[in-house]
Amino acid sequence: MEKFEREKIYDDGLDVFGMECQYDQCVEEMAELMVAISKVKRQQNFGEYENDNSIKENFLEELADVFICVEGLAYFVGEEEFNSKVEEKMQKFARTIEKCRKK
């Protein structure tokens, strides 16, 4: 799906459900992703959920849900402003990586 098509859906969602619902949905999806990440870690590190392929599938589903929510919120607040903040944060992250490498 093209970005302009997703933006139309975000506009429709805002029109139908309102902004507060968009915030609430994002919070819910992030909580679900947190649980999915915990299960992936337990599977990888402690052998829980052995041979349970649904753990990865659930992680991917929740990651996609959070991506959709974040992309929608970025669209609503203004992508130029958002992208500028992402650039700033990525530069900070790169500096942090470099500092850690020097230790």
Protein backbone atom coordinates (compact mmCIF):
# COMPACT_ATOMS: atom_id res chain seq x y z
CA MET A 1 0.00 0.00 0.00
CA GLU A 2 1.33 3.41 -0.95
CA LYS A 3 1.94 6.04 1.73
CA PHE A 4 -0.77 8.35 0.40
CA GLU A 5 -3.25 5.46 0.74
CA ARG A 6 -2.24 4.92 4.38
CA GLU A 7 -2.57 8.67 5.01
CA LYS A 8 -6.15 8.56 3.67
CA ILE A 9 -6.90 5.77 6.12
CA TYR A 10 -5.33 7.78 8.97
CA ASP A 11 -7.53 10.76 8.02
CA ASP A 12 -10.60 8.52 7.94
CA GLY A 13 -9.71 7.03 11.32
CA LEU A 14 -9.27 10.47 12.82
CA ASP A 15 -12.62 11.55 11.37
CA VAL A 16 -14.46 8.47 12.64
CA PHE A 17 -12.78 7.86 16.00
CA GLY A 18 -11.14 11.15 16.99
CA MET A 19 -7.66 11.95 18.23
CA GLU A 20 -8.07 10.67 21.78
CA CYS A 21 -8.93 7.24 20.43
CA GLN A 22 -5.79 7.34 18.28
CA TYR A 23 -3.70 8.01 21.39
CA ASP A 24 -5.45 5.28 23.36
CA GLN A 25 -5.01 2.76 20.56
CA CYS A 26 -1.30 3.52 20.35
CA VAL A 27 -0.88 3.03 24.10
CA GLU A 28 -2.72 -0.31 23.90
CA GLU A 29 -0.63 -1.52 20.97
CA MET A 30 2.62 -0.52 22.69
CA ALA A 31 1.61 -2.50 25.79
CA GLU A 32 0.87 -5.54 23.61
CA LEU A 33 4.28 -5.16 21.94
CA MET A 34 5.95 -5.06 25.35
CA VAL A 35 4.37 -8.42 26.22
CA ALA A 36 5.34 -9.88 22.84
CA ILE A 37 8.96 -8.74 23.29
CA SER A 38 9.08 -10.34 26.75
CA LYS A 39 7.90 -13.64 25.30
CA VAL A 40 10.48 -13.50 22.48
CA LYS A 41 13.23 -12.87 25.02
CA ARG A 42 12.04 -15.74 27.24
CA GLN A 43 11.93 -18.02 24.23
CA GLN A 44 15.45 -17.06 23.12
CA ASN A 45 17.10 -16.86 26.53
CA PHE A 46 15.31 -19.42 28.68
CA GLY A 47 13.81 -21.96 26.29
CA GLU A 48 10.25 -21.09 27.21
CA TYR A 49 7.67 -21.51 24.45
CA GLU A 50 9.99 -24.04 22.79
CA ASN A 51 8.88 -24.82 19.23
CA ASP A 52 6.06 -22.27 19.50
CA ASN A 53 6.15 -20.43 16.18
CA SER A 54 3.27 -18.20 17.24
CA ILE A 55 5.65 -16.19 19.47
CA LYS A 56 7.47 -14.69 16.47
CA GLU A 57 4.23 -14.24 14.53
CA ASN A 58 2.65 -12.38 17.47
CA PHE A 59 5.77 -10.20 17.82
CA LEU A 60 5.58 -9.25 14.13
CA GLU A 61 1.86 -8.52 14.41
CA GLU A 62 2.32 -6.25 17.42
CA LEU A 63 5.34 -4.54 15.86
CA ALA A 64 3.25 -3.79 12.76
CA ASP A 65 0.41 -2.44 14.91
CA VAL A 66 2.79 -0.09 16.75
CA PHE A 67 4.38 1.02 13.47
CA ILE A 68 0.94 1.89 12.08
CA CYS A 69 0.04 3.85 15.22
CA VAL A 70 3.34 5.72 15.27
CA GLU A 71 3.20 6.49 11.56
CA GLY A 72 -0.34 7.81 12.01
CA LEU A 73 0.60 9.98 14.97
CA ALA A 74 3.62 11.33 13.08
CA TYR A 75 1.30 12.18 10.18
CA PHE A 76 -1.11 13.98 12.52
CA VAL A 77 1.55 16.09 14.27
CA GLY A 78 3.43 16.90 11.08
CA GLU A 79 5.92 14.63 9.41
CA GLU A 80 8.51 17.33 8.79
CA GLU A 81 8.71 18.13 12.50
CA PHE A 82 8.69 14.44 13.36
CA ASN A 83 11.42 13.57 10.84
CA SER A 84 13.56 16.39 12.18
CA LYS A 85 13.25 14.94 15.69
CA VAL A 86 14.05 11.44 14.40
CA GLU A 87 17.19 12.79 12.72
CA GLU A 88 18.23 14.50 15.95
CA LYS A 89 17.66 11.31 17.96
CA MET A 90 19.51 9.13 15.44
CA GLN A 91 22.55 11.42 15.63
CA LYS A 92 22.46 11.17 19.43
CA PHE A 93 22.20 7.37 19.19
CA ALA A 94 25.20 7.28 16.81
CA ARG A 95 27.24 9.36 19.28
CA THR A 96 26.28 7.01 22.11
CA ILE A 97 27.37 4.00 20.06
CA GLU A 98 30.69 5.66 19.30
CA LYS A 99 31.30 6.45 22.98
CA CYS A 100 30.58 2.84 23.93
CA ARG A 101 32.95 1.55 21.26
CA LYS A 102 35.78 3.65 22.71
CA LYS A 103 35.42 2.11 26.16
